[in-house]
Amino acid sequence: MHRLIPLLSLIIVLGSPSRFQRMWAENLPGGLIAGTVVDERGGPVTGIKVFVAKSDGRIKLNAMRHARSDGQGRFTFAGLPSGQYRLYAIGEDQGYPDTTFEFYAQNPVPLIQIPETGGSSDVVITLGPKAGAIAGTVVDKTTRALVNATFVLTDASEPARWISTSVPAKFRILVPPGRNITVRVSAPGYDAWYYNNHTPGNTPLRVASGEEVHLDVELSPSEAPATAKTHH
């Protein structure tokens, strides 16, 4: 999997966090990052997981500190050691994909510097546009049995941007909106399946923000080509 640049724009405004956050930070060593998660229209987004990570290490979500945005979209990280940090936001249930994957990237995230003397930064994370999605089932073409599979999604215009994910037979995967995406589905013992047969002249998959495209994937256990039905 490729992880790097998030699907969000992040604006750092050096200023004062709330009075409560400042009082809290004064009782802890290190620095403070406080901020707000907003949508494209500037409204607060509740329930988004925000992760903070040192910019000099490999991204591992399970080893990163995180906070969840509250009813006003606010979040806070206090007691941070000095250094450079990046923020990543995830809200898949709300249509905002895992922004640690380069596949979903739009804009790079600026570095946040916590000096040796501590200090604070006030941050606005703007999410969006929301992803589209593909959903459906993967079955054995002959027996109709459900098949767990691996999907490889690739940006047709930038092949270096791709994601590989293993999913159950009944799947739902978020897709970057407004981009041409090639889709490859595979499972042990089956021929690989490609959206639109992946032949010249056939267009890749393209999903709008908030749209869900249904795919019925039929995997062939022989050399016979697999087929699919697509419904918008």
C-alpha atoms as a PDB file:
ATOM      1  CA  MET A   1       0.000   0.000   0.000  1.00  0.00           C
ATOM      2  CA  HIS A   2       1.125   3.549  -0.715  1.00  0.00           C
ATOM      3  CA  ARG A   3       0.869   6.002   2.188  1.00  0.00           C
ATOM      4  CA  LEU A   4       2.036   9.569   1.996  1.00  0.00           C
ATOM      5  CA  ILE A   5      -0.011  12.657   1.263  1.00  0.00           C
ATOM      6  CA  PRO A   6      -3.559  13.192   2.555  1.00  0.00           C
ATOM      7  CA  LEU A   7      -6.758  14.116   0.757  1.00  0.00           C
ATOM      8  CA  LEU A   8      -7.198  17.394   2.603  1.00  0.00           C
ATOM      9  CA  SER A   9      -5.932  20.920   2.638  1.00  0.00           C
ATOM     10  CA  LEU A  10      -4.507  22.116   5.910  1.00  0.00           C
ATOM     11  CA  ILE A  11      -4.046  25.756   6.846  1.00  0.00           C
ATOM     12  CA  ILE A  12      -1.835  26.601   9.797  1.00  0.00           C
ATOM     13  CA  VAL A  13      -2.745  29.797  11.580  1.00  0.00           C
ATOM     14  CA  LEU A  14      -0.390  30.784  14.374  1.00  0.00           C
ATOM     15  CA  GLY A  15      -2.674  32.101  17.056  1.00  0.00           C
ATOM     16  CA  SER A  16      -4.333  31.365  20.323  1.00  0.00           C
ATOM     17  CA  PRO A  17      -6.291  28.193  21.053  1.00  0.00           C
ATOM     18  CA  SER A  18      -9.248  28.348  23.377  1.00  0.00           C
ATOM     19  CA  ARG A  19      -8.750  29.478  26.973  1.00  0.00           C
ATOM     20  CA  PHE A  20      -9.332  25.962  28.275  1.00  0.00           C
ATOM     21  CA  GLN A  21      -6.835  24.480  25.829  1.00  0.00           C
ATOM     22  CA  ARG A  22      -4.229  27.071  26.773  1.00  0.00           C
ATOM     23  CA  MET A  23      -4.698  26.367  30.501  1.00  0.00           C
ATOM     24  CA  TRP A  24      -4.387  22.646  29.828  1.00  0.00           C
ATOM     25  CA  ALA A  25      -1.237  23.111  27.768  1.00  0.00           C
ATOM     26  CA  GLU A  26       0.383  25.243  30.463  1.00  0.00           C
ATOM     27  CA  ASN A  27       0.210  22.263  32.836  1.00  0.00           C
ATOM     28  CA  LEU A  28       1.881  19.879  30.379  1.00  0.00           C
ATOM     29  CA  PRO A  29       5.419  19.833  28.982  1.00  0.00           C
ATOM     30  CA  GLY A  30       5.860  20.302  25.256  1.00  0.00           C
ATOM     31  CA  GLY A  31       3.669  21.974  22.682  1.00  0.00           C
ATOM     32  CA  LEU A  32       0.015  22.146  21.700  1.00  0.00           C
ATOM     33  CA  ILE A  33      -1.737  21.609  18.370  1.00  0.00           C
ATOM     34  CA  ALA A  34      -5.406  22.606  18.467  1.00  0.00           C
ATOM     35  CA  GLY A  35      -7.669  22.844  15.468  1.00  0.00           C
ATOM     36  CA  THR A  36     -10.970  22.443  13.680  1.00  0.00           C
ATOM     37  CA  VAL A  37     -12.126  20.015  10.983  1.00  0.00           C
ATOM     38  CA  VAL A  38     -14.433  21.633   8.417  1.00  0.00           C
ATOM     39  CA  ASP A  39     -16.077  20.583   5.167  1.00  0.00           C
ATOM     40  CA  GLU A  40     -15.812  22.306   1.781  1.00  0.00           C
ATOM     41  CA  ARG A  41     -18.389  24.901   2.852  1.00  0.00           C
ATOM     42  CA  GLY A  42     -16.567  25.694   6.079  1.00  0.00           C
ATOM     43  CA  GLY A  43     -19.006  23.893   8.374  1.00  0.00           C
ATOM     44  CA  PRO A  44     -17.609  21.839  11.291  1.00  0.00           C
ATOM     45  CA  VAL A  45     -17.362  18.079  10.804  1.00  0.00           C
ATOM     46  CA  THR A  46     -18.030  15.909  13.851  1.00  0.00           C
ATOM     47  CA  GLY A  47     -16.574  12.479  14.579  1.00  0.00           C
ATOM     48  CA  ILE A  48     -13.498  12.665  12.337  1.00  0.00           C
ATOM     49  CA  LYS A  49     -10.406  10.834  13.590  1.00  0.00           C
ATOM     50  CA  VAL A  50      -7.378  13.133  13.430  1.00  0.00           C
ATOM     51  CA  PHE A  51      -3.949  11.517  13.744  1.00  0.00           C
ATOM     52  CA  VAL A  52      -0.704  13.330  14.565  1.00  0.00           C
ATOM     53  CA  ALA A  53       2.675  11.912  13.550  1.00  0.00           C
ATOM     54  CA  LYS A  54       6.285  12.996  13.512  1.00  0.00           C
ATOM     55  CA  SER A  55       7.205  13.846   9.925  1.00  0.00           C
ATOM     56  CA  ASP A  56      10.470  11.906  10.077  1.00  0.00           C
ATOM     57  CA  GLY A  57       9.032   8.431  10.596  1.00  0.00           C
ATOM     58  CA  ARG A  58       7.034   5.767   8.774  1.00  0.00           C
ATOM     59  CA  ILE A  59       3.282   6.172   9.078  1.00  0.00           C
ATOM     60  CA  LYS A  60       1.706   3.559  11.360  1.00  0.00           C
ATOM     61  CA  LEU A  61      -1.815   4.481  12.401  1.00  0.00           C
ATOM     62  CA  ASN A  62      -1.909   1.985  15.260  1.00  0.00           C
ATOM     63  CA  ALA A  63       1.158   3.660  16.767  1.00  0.00           C
ATOM     64  CA  MET A  64      -0.035   7.243  16.289  1.00  0.00           C
ATOM     65  CA  ARG A  65      -1.856   9.493  18.739  1.00  0.00           C
ATOM     66  CA  HIS A  66      -5.324  10.429  17.624  1.00  0.00           C
ATOM     67  CA  ALA A  67      -8.266  12.560  18.660  1.00  0.00           C
ATOM     68  CA  ARG A  68     -11.865  12.675  17.431  1.00  0.00           C
ATOM     69  CA  SER A  69     -13.410  15.988  16.384  1.00  0.00           C
ATOM     70  CA  ASP A  70     -16.210  17.119  18.702  1.00  0.00           C
ATOM     71  CA  GLY A  71     -19.569  18.746  17.955  1.00  0.00           C
ATOM     72  CA  GLN A  72     -17.826  21.943  16.855  1.00  0.00           C
ATOM     73  CA  GLY A  73     -15.250  20.046  14.808  1.00  0.00           C
ATOM     74  CA  ARG A  74     -12.549  20.820  17.393  1.00  0.00           C
ATOM     75  CA  PHE A  75      -9.629  18.600  18.377  1.00  0.00           C
ATOM     76  CA  THR A  76      -6.544  19.028  20.562  1.00  0.00           C
ATOM     77  CA  PHE A  77      -3.129  17.412  20.965  1.00  0.00           C
ATOM     78  CA  ALA A  78      -1.210  18.570  24.042  1.00  0.00           C
ATOM     79  CA  GLY A  79       2.145  17.680  25.567  1.00  0.00           C
ATOM     80  CA  LEU A  80       3.863  17.176  22.204  1.00  0.00           C
ATOM     81  CA  PRO A  81       7.669  16.990  22.235  1.00  0.00           C
ATOM     82  CA  SER A  82       9.533  19.417  19.990  1.00  0.00           C
ATOM     83  CA  GLY A  83       9.783  18.454  16.337  1.00  0.00           C
ATOM     84  CA  GLN A  84       7.927  18.529  13.017  1.00  0.00           C
ATOM     85  CA  TYR A  85       4.466  16.983  12.737  1.00  0.00           C
ATOM     86  CA  ARG A  86       1.833  16.137  10.140  1.00  0.00           C
ATOM     87  CA  LEU A  87      -1.900  15.638  10.657  1.00  0.00           C
ATOM     88  CA  TYR A  88      -4.075  13.021   8.944  1.00  0.00           C
ATOM     89  CA  ALA A  89      -7.872  12.925   9.010  1.00  0.00           C
ATOM     90  CA  ILE A  90     -10.087   9.864   8.512  1.00  0.00           C
ATOM     91  CA  GLY A  91     -13.887   9.613   8.433  1.00  0.00           C
ATOM     92  CA  GLU A  92     -14.717   6.725   6.113  1.00  0.00           C
ATOM     93  CA  ASP A  93     -18.300   6.367   7.346  1.00  0.00           C
ATOM     94  CA  GLN A  94     -18.859   9.983   6.296  1.00  0.00           C
ATOM     95  CA  GLY A  95     -17.169   9.598   2.913  1.00  0.00           C
ATOM     96  CA  TYR A  96     -13.694  10.824   3.863  1.00  0.00           C
ATOM     97  CA  PRO A  97     -11.086   8.113   3.147  1.00  0.00           C
ATOM     98  CA  ASP A  98      -7.874   7.236   4.954  1.00  0.00           C
ATOM     99  CA  THR A  99      -5.708  10.228   4.104  1.00  0.00           C
ATOM    100  CA  THR A 100      -2.425   8.482   4.887  1.00  0.00           C
ATOM    101  CA  PHE A 101      -2.718   6.765   1.484  1.00  0.00           C
ATOM    102  CA  GLU A 102      -1.220   8.656  -1.454  1.00  0.00           C
ATOM    103  CA  PHE A 103      -3.951   7.197  -3.676  1.00  0.00           C
ATOM    104  CA  TYR A 104      -6.483   9.550  -2.049  1.00  0.00           C
ATOM    105  CA  ALA A 105      -4.188  12.588  -2.062  1.00  0.00           C
ATOM    106  CA  GLN A 106      -5.024  16.022  -3.414  1.00  0.00           C
ATOM    107  CA  ASN A 107      -2.849  18.496  -1.541  1.00  0.00           C
ATOM    108  CA  PRO A 108       0.305  18.044   0.525  1.00  0.00           C
ATOM    109  CA  VAL A 109       0.097  18.826   4.218  1.00  0.00           C
ATOM    110  CA  PRO A 110       2.414  21.574   5.496  1.00  0.00           C
ATOM    111  CA  LEU A 111       4.732  20.747   8.373  1.00  0.00           C
ATOM    112  CA  ILE A 112       3.842  21.898  11.870  1.00  0.00           C
ATOM    113  CA  GLN A 113       6.895  22.843  13.912  1.00  0.00           C
ATOM    114  CA  ILE A 114       6.883  22.538  17.706  1.00  0.00           C
ATOM    115  CA  PRO A 115       9.967  24.405  19.002  1.00  0.00           C
ATOM    116  CA  GLU A 116      12.092  23.360  21.971  1.00  0.00           C
ATOM    117  CA  THR A 117      10.329  26.008  24.043  1.00  0.00           C
ATOM    118  CA  GLY A 118       6.891  24.522  23.322  1.00  0.00           C
ATOM    119  CA  GLY A 119       4.168  26.833  22.027  1.00  0.00           C
ATOM    120  CA  SER A 120       0.922  26.290  20.161  1.00  0.00           C
ATOM    121  CA  SER A 121      -0.508  26.175  16.641  1.00  0.00           C
ATOM    122  CA  ASP A 122      -4.144  26.595  15.641  1.00  0.00           C
ATOM    123  CA  VAL A 123      -5.000  24.442  12.615  1.00  0.00           C
ATOM    124  CA  VAL A 124      -7.939  24.259  10.199  1.00  0.00           C
ATOM    125  CA  ILE A 125      -8.322  20.969   8.301  1.00  0.00           C
ATOM    126  CA  THR A 126     -10.599  21.277   5.278  1.00  0.00           C
ATOM    127  CA  LEU A 127     -11.966  17.925   4.104  1.00  0.00           C
ATOM    128  CA  GLY A 128     -13.394  17.124   0.727  1.00  0.00           C
ATOM    129  CA  PRO A 129     -14.675  16.606  -1.726  1.00  0.00           C
ATOM    130  CA  LYS A 130     -16.236  13.434  -0.370  1.00  0.00           C
ATOM    131  CA  ALA A 131     -15.177  10.209  -2.049  1.00  0.00           C
ATOM    132  CA  GLY A 132     -17.347   8.085  -4.280  1.00  0.00           C
ATOM    133  CA  ALA A 133     -17.626   4.345  -3.726  1.00  0.00           C
ATOM    134  CA  ILE A 134     -17.837   1.014  -5.491  1.00  0.00           C
ATOM    135  CA  ALA A 135     -19.902  -1.723  -3.858  1.00  0.00           C
ATOM    136  CA  GLY A 136     -21.138  -5.175  -4.777  1.00  0.00           C
ATOM    137  CA  THR A 137     -20.243  -8.856  -4.618  1.00  0.00           C
ATOM    138  CA  VAL A 138     -17.486 -11.141  -5.903  1.00  0.00           C
ATOM    139  CA  VAL A 139     -18.576 -14.648  -6.883  1.00  0.00           C
ATOM    140  CA  ASP A 140     -17.278 -17.772  -8.598  1.00  0.00           C
ATOM    141  CA  LYS A 141     -18.631 -17.577 -12.137  1.00  0.00           C
ATOM    142  CA  THR A 142     -19.348 -21.310 -12.240  1.00  0.00           C
ATOM    143  CA  THR A 143     -20.655 -22.148  -8.775  1.00  0.00           C
ATOM    144  CA  ARG A 144     -21.901 -18.669  -7.739  1.00  0.00           C
ATOM    145  CA  ALA A 145     -20.112 -19.128  -4.410  1.00  0.00           C
ATOM    146  CA  LEU A 146     -18.965 -15.947  -2.682  1.00  0.00           C
ATOM    147  CA  VAL A 147     -15.226 -15.250  -3.021  1.00  0.00           C
ATOM    148  CA  ASN A 148     -13.039 -13.005  -0.875  1.00  0.00           C
ATOM    149  CA  ALA A 149     -10.785 -11.005  -3.163  1.00  0.00           C
ATOM    150  CA  THR A 150      -8.058  -8.401  -3.498  1.00  0.00           C
ATOM    151  CA  PHE A 151      -8.798  -5.142  -5.324  1.00  0.00           C
ATOM    152  CA  VAL A 152      -6.044  -3.043  -6.891  1.00  0.00           C
ATOM    153  CA  LEU A 153      -7.236   0.456  -7.802  1.00  0.00           C
ATOM    154  CA  THR A 154      -4.917   2.629  -9.901  1.00  0.00           C
ATOM    155  CA  ASP A 155      -5.165   6.222 -11.053  1.00  0.00           C
ATOM    156  CA  ALA A 156      -5.194   5.873 -14.847  1.00  0.00           C
ATOM    157  CA  SER A 157      -3.430   9.207 -15.381  1.00  0.00           C
ATOM    158  CA  GLU A 158      -0.875   8.689 -12.564  1.00  0.00           C
ATOM    159  CA  PRO A 159      -0.124   4.943 -12.287  1.00  0.00           C
ATOM    160  CA  ALA A 160       2.231   5.522  -9.358  1.00  0.00           C
ATOM    161  CA  ARG A 161      -0.857   6.331  -7.290  1.00  0.00           C
ATOM    162  CA  TRP A 162      -2.584   3.075  -6.416  1.00  0.00           C
ATOM    163  CA  ILE A 163      -3.996   1.100  -3.529  1.00  0.00           C
ATOM    164  CA  SER A 164      -4.339  -2.619  -2.874  1.00  0.00           C
ATOM    165  CA  THR A 165      -6.913  -3.852  -0.392  1.00  0.00           C
ATOM    166  CA  SER A 166      -8.291  -7.276   0.554  1.00  0.00           C
ATOM    167  CA  VAL A 167     -12.054  -7.291   1.016  1.00  0.00           C
ATOM    168  CA  PRO A 168     -14.846  -9.762   1.807  1.00  0.00           C
ATOM    169  CA  ALA A 169     -17.039 -11.061  -1.001  1.00  0.00           C
ATOM    170  CA  LYS A 170     -19.628  -8.379  -0.237  1.00  0.00           C
ATOM    171  CA  PHE A 171     -17.524  -5.240  -0.492  1.00  0.00           C
ATOM    172  CA  ARG A 172     -17.626  -1.465  -0.390  1.00  0.00           C
ATOM    173  CA  ILE A 173     -14.526   0.594  -1.244  1.00  0.00           C
ATOM    174  CA  LEU A 174     -14.118   4.374  -1.307  1.00  0.00           C
ATOM    175  CA  VAL A 175     -12.850   5.837  -4.594  1.00  0.00           C
ATOM    176  CA  PRO A 176     -11.329   9.284  -5.275  1.00  0.00           C
ATOM    177  CA  PRO A 177     -14.012  11.400  -6.988  1.00  0.00           C
ATOM    178  CA  GLY A 178     -13.726  12.649 -10.540  1.00  0.00           C
ATOM    179  CA  ARG A 179     -10.672  10.593 -11.469  1.00  0.00           C
ATOM    180  CA  ASN A 180     -10.289   7.747 -13.971  1.00  0.00           C
ATOM    181  CA  ILE A 181      -9.551   4.573 -12.020  1.00  0.00           C
ATOM    182  CA  THR A 182      -8.588   1.134 -13.301  1.00  0.00           C
ATOM    183  CA  VAL A 183      -9.830  -1.812 -11.249  1.00  0.00           C
ATOM    184  CA  ARG A 184      -8.192  -5.239 -10.984  1.00  0.00           C
ATOM    185  CA  VAL A 185      -9.745  -8.006  -8.874  1.00  0.00           C
ATOM    186  CA  SER A 186      -7.932 -11.228  -8.029  1.00  0.00           C
ATOM    187  CA  ALA A 187      -8.203 -14.268  -5.768  1.00  0.00           C
ATOM    188  CA  PRO A 188      -6.142 -17.477  -5.455  1.00  0.00           C
ATOM    189  CA  GLY A 189      -7.194 -20.045  -8.058  1.00  0.00           C
ATOM    190  CA  TYR A 190      -8.952 -17.546 -10.333  1.00  0.00           C
ATOM    191  CA  ASP A 191      -8.088 -15.491 -13.391  1.00  0.00           C
ATOM    192  CA  ALA A 192      -7.729 -11.788 -12.687  1.00  0.00           C
ATOM    193  CA  TRP A 193     -10.774  -9.653 -13.510  1.00  0.00           C
ATOM    194  CA  TYR A 194     -10.512  -6.118 -14.910  1.00  0.00           C
ATOM    195  CA  TYR A 195     -13.199  -3.453 -15.002  1.00  0.00           C
ATOM    196  CA  ASN A 196     -14.366  -2.993 -18.622  1.00  0.00           C
ATOM    197  CA  ASN A 197     -11.956  -5.833 -19.547  1.00  0.00           C
ATOM    198  CA  HIS A 198      -9.118  -3.288 -19.434  1.00  0.00           C
ATOM    199  CA  THR A 199      -8.908  -3.176 -23.236  1.00  0.00           C
ATOM    200  CA  PRO A 200      -8.013  -0.223 -25.515  1.00  0.00           C
ATOM    201  CA  GLY A 201     -10.994   2.010 -26.176  1.00  0.00           C
ATOM    202  CA  ASN A 202     -12.808   1.055 -22.995  1.00  0.00           C
ATOM    203  CA  THR A 203     -12.983   3.800 -20.418  1.00  0.00           C
ATOM    204  CA  PRO A 204     -11.776   3.339 -16.832  1.00  0.00           C
ATOM    205  CA  LEU A 205     -14.127   3.662 -13.883  1.00  0.00           C
ATOM    206  CA  ARG A 206     -15.045   7.223 -12.920  1.00  0.00           C
ATOM    207  CA  VAL A 207     -17.154   7.970  -9.841  1.00  0.00           C
ATOM    208  CA  ALA A 208     -18.497  11.352  -8.773  1.00  0.00           C
ATOM    209  CA  SER A 209     -18.330  12.687  -5.222  1.00  0.00           C
ATOM    210  CA  GLY A 210     -21.010  10.963  -3.142  1.00  0.00           C
ATOM    211  CA  GLU A 211     -21.906   8.532  -5.954  1.00  0.00           C
ATOM    212  CA  GLU A 212     -21.928   4.761  -5.425  1.00  0.00           C
ATOM    213  CA  VAL A 213     -21.410   2.411  -8.377  1.00  0.00           C
ATOM    214  CA  HIS A 214     -22.535  -1.196  -8.046  1.00  0.00           C
ATOM    215  CA  LEU A 215     -20.244  -3.917  -9.431  1.00  0.00           C
ATOM    216  CA  ASP A 216     -21.086  -7.617  -9.751  1.00  0.00           C
ATOM    217  CA  VAL A 217     -17.725  -9.322 -10.228  1.00  0.00           C
ATOM    218  CA  GLU A 218     -17.620 -12.890 -11.581  1.00  0.00           C
ATOM    219  CA  LEU A 219     -14.253 -14.626 -11.271  1.00  0.00           C
ATOM    220  CA  SER A 220     -13.423 -17.462 -13.642  1.00  0.00           C
ATOM    221  CA  PRO A 221     -11.474 -20.448 -12.316  1.00  0.00           C
ATOM    222  CA  SER A 222     -10.306 -21.176 -15.873  1.00  0.00           C
ATOM    223  CA  GLU A 223      -8.874 -19.189 -18.752  1.00  0.00           C
ATOM    224  CA  ALA A 224     -12.357 -18.024 -19.730  1.00  0.00           C
ATOM    225  CA  PRO A 225     -12.673 -14.216 -19.287  1.00  0.00           C
ATOM    226  CA  ALA A 226     -14.660 -12.964 -16.330  1.00  0.00           C
ATOM    227  CA  THR A 227     -17.671 -10.718 -16.796  1.00  0.00           C
ATOM    228  CA  ALA A 228     -19.362  -8.014 -14.826  1.00  0.00           C
ATOM    229  CA  LYS A 229     -22.532  -6.004 -14.726  1.00  0.00           C
ATOM    230  CA  THR A 230     -22.380  -2.337 -13.816  1.00  0.00           C
ATOM    231  CA  HIS A 231     -25.268  -0.295 -12.471  1.00  0.00           C
ATOM    232  CA  HIS A 232     -25.159   3.417 -11.605  1.00  0.00           C
END
